[in-house]
Amino acid sequence: MAGPSAEHETTPAGEPERADYAADRAHALRTMFPRRVAAVPETPMESLLNPPAPPPPPDVPAEDTAAVGGGAAVPTRLSKRRAWVIVGAGVALILAAGAAVFAATTAGPERDEAPAGVVVPAFTPPPALEETPSPTEVPSSTPAPSESAAPTASAAPAPPPAPEPVPAQPDPGGTNLALRHPVSASGVEGDPWKASNAVDGDPVTRWSSAFADPGWLIVDLGQTYGISEVEIVWEHAYATSYRVETSVDGKKWAPIFSTTAGSGGTVTVKQPARGRYVRLFCLKRNSQYGYSVLELRVR
């Protein structure tokens, strides 16, 4: 609550002076606020001296009022602001409600208008779908198979027996097993020096390989033999590093002789072996030419 103002503190204490002061105060209020302050009725002196204090408005807290003249409470500036805020909020709500009603009454269903010159066909509802009857279940005439006991796991099949080794034919006693038998080579220098010249029995003809390392010559004996001797007759172009090998199937080879210090001439390898194929595998040449063999004999 606001305390009495300075004017109240200087108000005369005597009754005549107080009456004059009240009359002057009322006249000043009528002059300053002609529309808000009504004429002060002629009332008895007791009512002017001791007017009843009006109760504060219900929406104005006690702390927002101040005593004016004779203890009367009037709203302060804060209460006036609250009143204007409430009035403004009410007006805004009324305007929003009016705008919503206006929009609802004026809005209509949207219409799709076709452009000029375009014929829009009339809408035809789709035909009703016919329900397809569900297929009936036809009982099978074949009786259901009876449950049988789970088959017993059979034992793993036995591995096939290993092929019996081909018995080697005995050494025919000095006969050249490679004579005129099929032969193959890694390459030849030319047709006059073909691979078959190494097993034709002629000591003049020869096989000459291509001028490259390595090179090989294979002879097929036709069947598996027990081999006791392999003889190589080199020409001037020979291998300084080579080996002699035998095989039963032409895939897996077993060496029976190997050297890195070959010197040409006639070389006889006396090493018992078993096989159908004999291979001369050359690794390094002694010259710029190829490998040259006059004869390859197998006994």
C-alpha atoms as a PDB file:
ATOM      1  CA  MET A   1       0.000   0.000   0.000  1.00  0.00           C
ATOM      2  CA  ALA A   2       1.335   3.416  -0.910  1.00  0.00           C
ATOM      3  CA  GLY A   3       1.587   5.882   1.952  1.00  0.00           C
ATOM      4  CA  PRO A   4      -0.057   9.287   2.013  1.00  0.00           C
ATOM      5  CA  SER A   5       1.354  11.879  -0.360  1.00  0.00           C
ATOM      6  CA  ALA A   6       3.022  15.115   0.617  1.00  0.00           C
ATOM      7  CA  GLU A   7      -0.218  17.015   0.047  1.00  0.00           C
ATOM      8  CA  HIS A   8      -1.938  14.864   2.616  1.00  0.00           C
ATOM      9  CA  GLU A   9       0.797  15.536   5.056  1.00  0.00           C
ATOM     10  CA  THR A  10       0.285  19.362   4.664  1.00  0.00           C
ATOM     11  CA  THR A  11      -3.529  19.206   4.946  1.00  0.00           C
ATOM     12  CA  PRO A  12      -4.729  21.575   7.704  1.00  0.00           C
ATOM     13  CA  ALA A  13      -5.765  19.875  10.876  1.00  0.00           C
ATOM     14  CA  GLY A  14      -8.838  22.030  11.726  1.00  0.00           C
ATOM     15  CA  GLU A  15     -12.316  21.097  10.542  1.00  0.00           C
ATOM     16  CA  PRO A  16     -13.063  24.378   8.685  1.00  0.00           C
ATOM     17  CA  GLU A  17      -9.702  24.231   6.961  1.00  0.00           C
ATOM     18  CA  ARG A  18     -10.298  20.606   6.023  1.00  0.00           C
ATOM     19  CA  ALA A  19     -13.678  21.421   4.525  1.00  0.00           C
ATOM     20  CA  ASP A  20     -12.191  24.205   2.446  1.00  0.00           C
ATOM     21  CA  TYR A  21      -9.395  21.932   1.313  1.00  0.00           C
ATOM     22  CA  ALA A  22     -11.825  19.206   0.263  1.00  0.00           C
ATOM     23  CA  ALA A  23     -13.901  21.678  -1.748  1.00  0.00           C
ATOM     24  CA  ASP A  24     -10.811  22.987  -3.508  1.00  0.00           C
ATOM     25  CA  ARG A  25      -9.680  19.445  -4.186  1.00  0.00           C
ATOM     26  CA  ALA A  26     -13.011  18.506  -5.742  1.00  0.00           C
ATOM     27  CA  HIS A  27     -13.009  21.629  -7.900  1.00  0.00           C
ATOM     28  CA  ALA A  28      -9.488  20.853  -9.096  1.00  0.00           C
ATOM     29  CA  LEU A  29     -10.462  17.282  -9.998  1.00  0.00           C
ATOM     30  CA  ARG A  30     -13.496  18.464 -11.973  1.00  0.00           C
ATOM     31  CA  THR A  31     -11.293  20.915 -13.838  1.00  0.00           C
ATOM     32  CA  MET A  32      -8.603  18.314 -14.666  1.00  0.00           C
ATOM     33  CA  PHE A  33     -10.924  15.416 -15.492  1.00  0.00           C
ATOM     34  CA  PRO A  34     -14.239  16.888 -16.660  1.00  0.00           C
ATOM     35  CA  ARG A  35     -15.372  13.551 -18.248  1.00  0.00           C
ATOM     36  CA  ARG A  36     -14.185  11.120 -15.604  1.00  0.00           C
ATOM     37  CA  VAL A  37     -15.028  13.021 -12.356  1.00  0.00           C
ATOM     38  CA  ALA A  38     -18.703  13.769 -11.727  1.00  0.00           C
ATOM     39  CA  ALA A  39     -19.932  16.814  -9.906  1.00  0.00           C
ATOM     40  CA  VAL A  40     -19.466  16.620  -6.208  1.00  0.00           C
ATOM     41  CA  PRO A  41     -22.942  16.558  -4.700  1.00  0.00           C
ATOM     42  CA  GLU A  42     -23.789  18.728  -1.848  1.00  0.00           C
ATOM     43  CA  THR A  43     -23.506  16.374   1.066  1.00  0.00           C
ATOM     44  CA  PRO A  44     -23.382  16.957   4.737  1.00  0.00           C
ATOM     45  CA  MET A  45     -20.118  17.926   6.233  1.00  0.00           C
ATOM     46  CA  GLU A  46     -19.778  14.583   8.003  1.00  0.00           C
ATOM     47  CA  SER A  47     -19.914  12.695   4.684  1.00  0.00           C
ATOM     48  CA  LEU A  48     -17.296  14.964   3.192  1.00  0.00           C
ATOM     49  CA  LEU A  49     -15.093  14.763   6.203  1.00  0.00           C
ATOM     50  CA  ASN A  50     -15.392  11.003   6.627  1.00  0.00           C
ATOM     51  CA  PRO A  51     -16.359   9.412   3.266  1.00  0.00           C
ATOM     52  CA  PRO A  52     -16.613   5.578   3.293  1.00  0.00           C
ATOM     53  CA  ALA A  53     -13.697   3.825   1.633  1.00  0.00           C
ATOM     54  CA  PRO A  54     -14.918   1.891  -1.443  1.00  0.00           C
ATOM     55  CA  PRO A  55     -13.728  -1.736  -1.658  1.00  0.00           C
ATOM     56  CA  PRO A  56     -11.028  -2.432  -4.250  1.00  0.00           C
ATOM     57  CA  PRO A  57     -12.245  -3.962  -7.525  1.00  0.00           C
ATOM     58  CA  PRO A  58     -12.150  -7.791  -7.556  1.00  0.00           C
ATOM     59  CA  ASP A  59      -9.518  -8.007 -10.320  1.00  0.00           C
ATOM     60  CA  VAL A  60      -7.178  -5.439  -8.751  1.00  0.00           C
ATOM     61  CA  PRO A  61      -4.924  -6.750  -5.954  1.00  0.00           C
ATOM     62  CA  ALA A  62      -4.619  -4.750  -2.779  1.00  0.00           C
ATOM     63  CA  GLU A  63      -1.011  -3.928  -3.492  1.00  0.00           C
ATOM     64  CA  ASP A  64      -2.064  -2.187  -6.775  1.00  0.00           C
ATOM     65  CA  THR A  65      -4.246   0.411  -4.992  1.00  0.00           C
ATOM     66  CA  ALA A  66      -3.291   3.628  -3.220  1.00  0.00           C
ATOM     67  CA  ALA A  67      -5.140   5.817  -0.748  1.00  0.00           C
ATOM     68  CA  VAL A  68      -6.429   9.094  -2.181  1.00  0.00           C
ATOM     69  CA  GLY A  69      -7.852  11.818   0.097  1.00  0.00           C
ATOM     70  CA  GLY A  70      -9.788  10.469   3.185  1.00  0.00           C
ATOM     71  CA  GLY A  71      -8.429   6.904   2.843  1.00  0.00           C
ATOM     72  CA  ALA A  72     -10.189   6.023  -0.468  1.00  0.00           C
ATOM     73  CA  ALA A  73      -8.273   3.408  -2.557  1.00  0.00           C
ATOM     74  CA  VAL A  74      -7.914   3.840  -6.350  1.00  0.00           C
ATOM     75  CA  PRO A  75      -6.060   1.557  -8.842  1.00  0.00           C
ATOM     76  CA  THR A  76      -2.472   2.436  -9.567  1.00  0.00           C
ATOM     77  CA  ARG A  77      -0.824   2.681 -13.040  1.00  0.00           C
ATOM     78  CA  LEU A  78       0.050  -1.063 -12.904  1.00  0.00           C
ATOM     79  CA  SER A  79      -3.617  -2.059 -12.565  1.00  0.00           C
ATOM     80  CA  LYS A  80      -4.519   0.154 -15.526  1.00  0.00           C
ATOM     81  CA  ARG A  81      -1.933  -1.608 -17.665  1.00  0.00           C
ATOM     82  CA  ARG A  82      -3.340  -4.991 -16.714  1.00  0.00           C
ATOM     83  CA  ALA A  83      -6.830  -3.792 -17.573  1.00  0.00           C
ATOM     84  CA  TRP A  84      -5.667  -2.658 -21.033  1.00  0.00           C
ATOM     85  CA  VAL A  85      -3.890  -5.958 -21.589  1.00  0.00           C
ATOM     86  CA  ILE A  86      -7.042  -7.908 -20.689  1.00  0.00           C
ATOM     87  CA  VAL A  87      -9.178  -5.693 -22.936  1.00  0.00           C
ATOM     88  CA  GLY A  88      -6.695  -6.071 -25.820  1.00  0.00           C
ATOM     89  CA  ALA A  89      -6.623  -9.869 -25.436  1.00  0.00           C
ATOM     90  CA  GLY A  90     -10.422  -9.983 -25.483  1.00  0.00           C
ATOM     91  CA  VAL A  91     -10.592  -7.881 -28.634  1.00  0.00           C
ATOM     92  CA  ALA A  92      -7.997 -10.115 -30.311  1.00  0.00           C
ATOM     93  CA  LEU A  93      -9.997 -13.251 -29.451  1.00  0.00           C
ATOM     94  CA  ILE A  94     -13.182 -11.681 -30.820  1.00  0.00           C
ATOM     95  CA  LEU A  95     -11.447 -10.708 -34.088  1.00  0.00           C
ATOM     96  CA  ALA A  96      -9.920 -14.190 -34.484  1.00  0.00           C
ATOM     97  CA  ALA A  97     -13.299 -15.849 -33.914  1.00  0.00           C
ATOM     98  CA  GLY A  98     -14.941 -13.560 -36.447  1.00  0.00           C
ATOM     99  CA  ALA A  99     -12.273 -14.289 -39.040  1.00  0.00           C
ATOM    100  CA  ALA A 100     -12.693 -18.047 -38.527  1.00  0.00           C
ATOM    101  CA  VAL A 101     -16.480 -17.801 -38.953  1.00  0.00           C
ATOM    102  CA  PHE A 102     -16.074 -15.690 -42.098  1.00  0.00           C
ATOM    103  CA  ALA A 103     -13.622 -18.168 -43.624  1.00  0.00           C
ATOM    104  CA  ALA A 104     -15.923 -21.108 -42.824  1.00  0.00           C
ATOM    105  CA  THR A 105     -18.950 -19.470 -44.417  1.00  0.00           C
ATOM    106  CA  THR A 106     -17.230 -18.253 -47.568  1.00  0.00           C
ATOM    107  CA  ALA A 107     -15.060 -21.331 -48.284  1.00  0.00           C
ATOM    108  CA  GLY A 108     -16.585 -23.792 -50.685  1.00  0.00           C
ATOM    109  CA  PRO A 109     -15.564 -27.114 -52.238  1.00  0.00           C
ATOM    110  CA  GLU A 110     -12.802 -26.818 -54.782  1.00  0.00           C
ATOM    111  CA  ARG A 111     -13.895 -27.457 -58.313  1.00  0.00           C
ATOM    112  CA  ASP A 112     -11.616 -28.787 -60.983  1.00  0.00           C
ATOM    113  CA  GLU A 113     -12.468 -26.889 -64.106  1.00  0.00           C
ATOM    114  CA  ALA A 114     -11.211 -28.250 -67.372  1.00  0.00           C
ATOM    115  CA  PRO A 115      -9.429 -25.797 -69.651  1.00  0.00           C
ATOM    116  CA  ALA A 116     -11.275 -24.482 -72.669  1.00  0.00           C
ATOM    117  CA  GLY A 117     -11.377 -26.863 -75.589  1.00  0.00           C
ATOM    118  CA  VAL A 118     -10.692 -29.994 -73.509  1.00  0.00           C
ATOM    119  CA  VAL A 119     -13.471 -32.536 -73.218  1.00  0.00           C
ATOM    120  CA  VAL A 120     -13.513 -34.236 -69.854  1.00  0.00           C
ATOM    121  CA  PRO A 121     -15.169 -37.650 -70.018  1.00  0.00           C
ATOM    122  CA  ALA A 122     -17.772 -38.442 -67.471  1.00  0.00           C
ATOM    123  CA  PHE A 123     -16.616 -40.560 -64.590  1.00  0.00           C
ATOM    124  CA  THR A 124     -17.687 -44.140 -64.931  1.00  0.00           C
ATOM    125  CA  PRO A 125     -17.479 -46.272 -61.819  1.00  0.00           C
ATOM    126  CA  PRO A 126     -15.493 -49.503 -62.287  1.00  0.00           C
ATOM    127  CA  PRO A 127     -17.485 -52.707 -62.549  1.00  0.00           C
ATOM    128  CA  ALA A 128     -17.924 -54.621 -59.371  1.00  0.00           C
ATOM    129  CA  LEU A 129     -15.409 -57.392 -58.862  1.00  0.00           C
ATOM    130  CA  GLU A 130     -16.839 -60.855 -58.942  1.00  0.00           C
ATOM    131  CA  GLU A 131     -15.717 -63.056 -56.150  1.00  0.00           C
ATOM    132  CA  THR A 132     -13.935 -66.139 -57.438  1.00  0.00           C
ATOM    133  CA  PRO A 133     -15.062 -69.194 -55.555  1.00  0.00           C
ATOM    134  CA  SER A 134     -12.268 -70.881 -53.698  1.00  0.00           C
ATOM    135  CA  PRO A 135     -11.267 -74.229 -55.182  1.00  0.00           C
ATOM    136  CA  THR A 136     -12.645 -77.214 -53.433  1.00  0.00           C
ATOM    137  CA  GLU A 137     -10.255 -79.736 -52.085  1.00  0.00           C
ATOM    138  CA  VAL A 138     -10.380 -83.006 -53.967  1.00  0.00           C
ATOM    139  CA  PRO A 139      -9.352 -85.936 -51.835  1.00  0.00           C
ATOM    140  CA  SER A 140      -6.481 -87.854 -53.282  1.00  0.00           C
ATOM    141  CA  SER A 141      -7.126 -91.433 -54.190  1.00  0.00           C
ATOM    142  CA  THR A 142      -3.569 -92.378 -53.389  1.00  0.00           C
ATOM    143  CA  PRO A 143      -3.222 -93.453 -49.775  1.00  0.00           C
ATOM    144  CA  ALA A 144      -0.645 -91.636 -47.708  1.00  0.00           C
ATOM    145  CA  PRO A 145       2.563 -93.576 -47.350  1.00  0.00           C
ATOM    146  CA  SER A 146       2.984 -95.224 -44.024  1.00  0.00           C
ATOM    147  CA  GLU A 147       5.780 -94.026 -41.806  1.00  0.00           C
ATOM    148  CA  SER A 148       8.722 -96.309 -41.918  1.00  0.00           C
ATOM    149  CA  ALA A 149      11.654 -96.498 -39.638  1.00  0.00           C
ATOM    150  CA  ALA A 150      14.577 -94.257 -40.408  1.00  0.00           C
ATOM    151  CA  PRO A 151      17.074 -96.071 -42.597  1.00  0.00           C
ATOM    152  CA  THR A 152      20.142 -97.227 -40.835  1.00  0.00           C
ATOM    153  CA  ALA A 153      23.295 -95.454 -41.917  1.00  0.00           C
ATOM    154  CA  SER A 154      25.229 -97.751 -44.135  1.00  0.00           C
ATOM    155  CA  ALA A 155      28.889 -98.292 -43.646  1.00  0.00           C
ATOM    156  CA  ALA A 156      31.268 -96.185 -45.734  1.00  0.00           C
ATOM    157  CA  PRO A 157      32.148 -97.904 -49.004  1.00  0.00           C
ATOM    158  CA  ALA A 158      35.487 -99.573 -48.995  1.00  0.00           C
ATOM    159  CA  PRO A 159      38.105 -97.809 -51.090  1.00  0.00           C
ATOM    160  CA  PRO A 160      38.761 -99.409 -54.447  1.00  0.00           C
ATOM    161  CA  PRO A 161      41.719-101.716 -54.478  1.00  0.00           C
ATOM    162  CA  ALA A 162      44.940-100.177 -55.667  1.00  0.00           C
ATOM    163  CA  PRO A 163      45.808-101.119 -59.237  1.00  0.00           C
ATOM    164  CA  GLU A 164      48.332-103.820 -59.444  1.00  0.00           C
ATOM    165  CA  PRO A 165      51.657-102.612 -60.804  1.00  0.00           C
ATOM    166  CA  VAL A 166      52.363-103.548 -64.388  1.00  0.00           C
ATOM    167  CA  PRO A 167      55.005-106.212 -64.356  1.00  0.00           C
ATOM    168  CA  ALA A 168      58.177-105.056 -66.030  1.00  0.00           C
ATOM    169  CA  GLN A 169      59.388-107.049 -68.979  1.00  0.00           C
ATOM    170  CA  PRO A 170      62.880-108.402 -68.589  1.00  0.00           C
ATOM    171  CA  ASP A 171      65.773-106.821 -70.403  1.00  0.00           C
ATOM    172  CA  PRO A 172      65.747-108.456 -73.852  1.00  0.00           C
ATOM    173  CA  GLY A 173      69.496-108.801 -73.705  1.00  0.00           C
ATOM    174  CA  GLY A 174      71.225-105.973 -75.492  1.00  0.00           C
ATOM    175  CA  THR A 175      68.283-105.004 -77.694  1.00  0.00           C
ATOM    176  CA  ASN A 176      67.696-101.245 -78.107  1.00  0.00           C
ATOM    177  CA  LEU A 177      64.203-100.794 -76.604  1.00  0.00           C
ATOM    178  CA  ALA A 178      63.989 -97.232 -77.982  1.00  0.00           C
ATOM    179  CA  LEU A 179      64.750 -98.159 -81.608  1.00  0.00           C
ATOM    180  CA  ARG A 180      62.152 -96.584 -83.951  1.00  0.00           C
ATOM    181  CA  HIS A 181      59.674 -95.969 -81.101  1.00  0.00           C
ATOM    182  CA  PRO A 182      57.534 -92.851 -80.754  1.00  0.00           C
ATOM    183  CA  VAL A 183      59.514 -89.853 -79.590  1.00  0.00           C
ATOM    184  CA  SER A 184      58.729 -86.209 -78.722  1.00  0.00           C
ATOM    185  CA  ALA A 185      60.887 -83.150 -78.040  1.00  0.00           C
ATOM    186  CA  SER A 186      60.698 -79.609 -76.680  1.00  0.00           C
ATOM    187  CA  GLY A 187      61.584 -78.235 -80.114  1.00  0.00           C
ATOM    188  CA  VAL A 188      63.792 -78.683 -83.179  1.00  0.00           C
ATOM    189  CA  GLU A 189      66.224 -76.504 -85.079  1.00  0.00           C
ATOM    190  CA  GLY A 190      64.559 -77.523 -88.362  1.00  0.00           C
ATOM    191  CA  ASP A 191      63.030 -80.439 -90.227  1.00  0.00           C
ATOM    192  CA  PRO A 192      66.371 -82.094 -91.116  1.00  0.00           C
ATOM    193  CA  TRP A 193      67.058 -82.407 -87.368  1.00  0.00           C
ATOM    194  CA  LYS A 194      63.746 -83.860 -86.187  1.00  0.00           C
ATOM    195  CA  ALA A 195      63.432 -85.782 -82.897  1.00  0.00           C
ATOM    196  CA  SER A 196      62.955 -89.227 -84.499  1.00  0.00           C
ATOM    197  CA  ASN A 197      66.527 -89.066 -85.826  1.00  0.00           C
ATOM    198  CA  ALA A 198      67.735 -89.820 -82.274  1.00  0.00           C
ATOM    199  CA  VAL A 199      66.108 -93.317 -82.299  1.00  0.00           C
ATOM    200  CA  ASP A 200      66.386 -94.350 -85.972  1.00  0.00           C
ATOM    201  CA  GLY A 201      69.564 -96.464 -85.479  1.00  0.00           C
ATOM    202  CA  ASP A 202      71.574 -94.287 -87.911  1.00  0.00           C
ATOM    203  CA  PRO A 203      74.668 -92.818 -86.203  1.00  0.00           C
ATOM    204  CA  VAL A 204      74.876 -89.998 -88.775  1.00  0.00           C
ATOM    205  CA  THR A 205      71.451 -88.417 -88.426  1.00  0.00           C
ATOM    206  CA  ARG A 206      70.739 -86.405 -85.290  1.00  0.00           C
ATOM    207  CA  TRP A 207      68.147 -84.434 -83.285  1.00  0.00           C
ATOM    208  CA  SER A 208      68.986 -80.744 -82.830  1.00  0.00           C
ATOM    209  CA  SER A 209      66.854 -78.693 -80.426  1.00  0.00           C
ATOM    210  CA  ALA A 210      65.974 -75.031 -80.583  1.00  0.00           C
ATOM    211  CA  PHE A 211      68.660 -72.614 -79.418  1.00  0.00           C
ATOM    212  CA  ALA A 212      67.241 -72.176 -75.927  1.00  0.00           C
ATOM    213  CA  ASP A 213      67.399 -73.616 -72.414  1.00  0.00           C
ATOM    214  CA  PRO A 214      65.967 -75.933 -71.278  1.00  0.00           C
ATOM    215  CA  GLY A 215      65.214 -78.695 -73.804  1.00  0.00           C
ATOM    216  CA  TRP A 216      64.053 -82.309 -73.547  1.00  0.00           C
ATOM    217  CA  LEU A 217      63.646 -85.525 -75.532  1.00  0.00           C
ATOM    218  CA  ILE A 218      61.172 -88.307 -74.529  1.00  0.00           C
ATOM    219  CA  VAL A 219      60.922 -91.824 -75.989  1.00  0.00           C
ATOM    220  CA  ASP A 220      57.954 -94.159 -75.419  1.00  0.00           C
ATOM    221  CA  LEU A 221      59.040 -97.805 -75.092  1.00  0.00           C
ATOM    222  CA  GLY A 222      55.455 -99.055 -75.611  1.00  0.00           C
ATOM    223  CA  GLN A 223      55.255-100.905 -72.295  1.00  0.00           C
ATOM    224  CA  THR A 224      56.947-100.982 -68.913  1.00  0.00           C
ATOM    225  CA  TYR A 225      60.340-102.623 -68.874  1.00  0.00           C
ATOM    226  CA  GLY A 226      63.008-103.345 -66.362  1.00  0.00           C
ATOM    227  CA  ILE A 227      65.744-100.991 -67.575  1.00  0.00           C
ATOM    228  CA  SER A 228      69.396-101.666 -66.869  1.00  0.00           C
ATOM    229  CA  GLU A 229      71.171 -99.189 -69.151  1.00  0.00           C
ATOM    230  CA  VAL A 230      70.637 -95.872 -70.999  1.00  0.00           C
ATOM    231  CA  GLU A 231      73.163 -94.697 -73.582  1.00  0.00           C
ATOM    232  CA  ILE A 232      73.456 -91.149 -75.002  1.00  0.00           C
ATOM    233  CA  VAL A 233      75.611 -90.310 -78.040  1.00  0.00           C
ATOM    234  CA  TRP A 234      76.167 -86.527 -78.147  1.00  0.00           C
ATOM    235  CA  GLU A 235      77.123 -84.477 -81.197  1.00  0.00           C
ATOM    236  CA  HIS A 236      79.452 -81.462 -80.854  1.00  0.00           C
ATOM    237  CA  ALA A 237      76.618 -79.393 -79.365  1.00  0.00           C
ATOM    238  CA  TYR A 238      75.917 -81.076 -76.032  1.00  0.00           C
ATOM    239  CA  ALA A 239      74.535 -80.301 -72.580  1.00  0.00           C
ATOM    240  CA  THR A 240      76.848 -79.515 -69.702  1.00  0.00           C
ATOM    241  CA  SER A 241      73.987 -79.892 -67.181  1.00  0.00           C
ATOM    242  CA  TYR A 242      71.319 -82.556 -67.681  1.00  0.00           C
ATOM    243  CA  ARG A 243      69.599 -85.569 -66.116  1.00  0.00           C
ATOM    244  CA  VAL A 244      68.108 -88.907 -67.239  1.00  0.00           C
ATOM    245  CA  GLU A 245      64.643 -89.859 -65.887  1.00  0.00           C
ATOM    246  CA  THR A 246      62.154 -92.730 -66.192  1.00  0.00           C
ATOM    247  CA  SER A 247      58.374 -92.859 -65.731  1.00  0.00           C
ATOM    248  CA  VAL A 248      55.587 -95.431 -65.748  1.00  0.00           C
ATOM    249  CA  ASP A 249      52.757 -93.036 -66.745  1.00  0.00           C
ATOM    250  CA  GLY A 250      54.615 -90.131 -68.377  1.00  0.00           C
ATOM    251  CA  LYS A 251      53.633 -87.790 -65.499  1.00  0.00           C
ATOM    252  CA  LYS A 252      55.745 -88.687 -62.519  1.00  0.00           C
ATOM    253  CA  TRP A 253      59.454 -88.889 -63.249  1.00  0.00           C
ATOM    254  CA  ALA A 254      62.222 -90.567 -61.275  1.00  0.00           C
ATOM    255  CA  PRO A 255      65.820 -89.449 -61.992  1.00  0.00           C
ATOM    256  CA  ILE A 256      68.384 -92.185 -62.468  1.00  0.00           C
ATOM    257  CA  PHE A 257      71.297 -89.916 -63.427  1.00  0.00           C
ATOM    258  CA  SER A 258      72.210 -86.248 -63.080  1.00  0.00           C
ATOM    259  CA  THR A 259      75.298 -84.141 -63.809  1.00  0.00           C
ATOM    260  CA  THR A 260      76.385 -80.508 -64.031  1.00  0.00           C
ATOM    261  CA  ALA A 261      79.724 -81.249 -65.663  1.00  0.00           C
ATOM    262  CA  GLY A 262      78.787 -82.904 -68.941  1.00  0.00           C
ATOM    263  CA  SER A 263      81.520 -83.105 -71.583  1.00  0.00           C
ATOM    264  CA  GLY A 264      79.675 -84.651 -74.546  1.00  0.00           C
ATOM    265  CA  GLY A 265      80.753 -87.873 -76.299  1.00  0.00           C
ATOM    266  CA  THR A 266      79.081 -91.186 -75.477  1.00  0.00           C
ATOM    267  CA  VAL A 267      77.627 -91.464 -71.958  1.00  0.00           C
ATOM    268  CA  THR A 268      76.384 -94.814 -70.605  1.00  0.00           C
ATOM    269  CA  VAL A 269      74.178 -94.761 -67.483  1.00  0.00           C
ATOM    270  CA  LYS A 270      74.141 -98.147 -65.788  1.00  0.00           C
ATOM    271  CA  GLN A 271      71.372 -97.802 -63.198  1.00  0.00           C
ATOM    272  CA  PRO A 272      68.596-100.374 -62.761  1.00  0.00           C
ATOM    273  CA  ALA A 273      65.215 -98.730 -63.239  1.00  0.00           C
ATOM    274  CA  ARG A 274      61.636 -99.472 -64.192  1.00  0.00           C
ATOM    275  CA  GLY A 275      59.512 -97.539 -66.650  1.00  0.00           C
ATOM    276  CA  ARG A 276      57.854 -97.126 -69.978  1.00  0.00           C
ATOM    277  CA  TYR A 277      59.105 -93.613 -70.744  1.00  0.00           C
ATOM    278  CA  VAL A 278      62.706 -92.382 -70.757  1.00  0.00           C
ATOM    279  CA  ARG A 279      63.433 -88.658 -70.758  1.00  0.00           C
ATOM    280  CA  LEU A 280      66.639 -86.751 -71.396  1.00  0.00           C
ATOM    281  CA  PHE A 281      66.149 -83.380 -69.681  1.00  0.00           C
ATOM    282  CA  CYS A 282      68.797 -80.796 -70.656  1.00  0.00           C
ATOM    283  CA  LEU A 283      69.338 -77.654 -68.565  1.00  0.00           C
ATOM    284  CA  LYS A 284      72.389 -75.864 -69.979  1.00  0.00           C
ATOM    285  CA  ARG A 285      74.131 -75.842 -73.410  1.00  0.00           C
ATOM    286  CA  ASN A 286      77.841 -75.799 -74.031  1.00  0.00           C
ATOM    287  CA  SER A 287      77.522 -73.338 -76.954  1.00  0.00           C
ATOM    288  CA  GLN A 288      75.187 -70.918 -78.658  1.00  0.00           C
ATOM    289  CA  TYR A 289      73.542 -73.748 -80.572  1.00  0.00           C
ATOM    290  CA  GLY A 290      70.962 -76.178 -79.303  1.00  0.00           C
ATOM    291  CA  TYR A 291      71.284 -79.693 -77.847  1.00  0.00           C
ATOM    292  CA  SER A 292      72.294 -82.249 -80.463  1.00  0.00           C
ATOM    293  CA  VAL A 293      71.909 -86.055 -79.924  1.00  0.00           C
ATOM    294  CA  LEU A 294      73.002 -88.633 -82.511  1.00  0.00           C
ATOM    295  CA  GLU A 295      71.468 -91.664 -80.769  1.00  0.00           C
ATOM    296  CA  LEU A 296      69.505 -92.486 -77.583  1.00  0.00           C
ATOM    297  CA  ARG A 297      69.572 -96.219 -76.745  1.00  0.00           C
ATOM    298  CA  VAL A 298      67.707 -97.995 -73.921  1.00  0.00           C
ATOM    299  CA  ARG A 299      68.488-101.590 -72.835  1.00  0.00           C
END
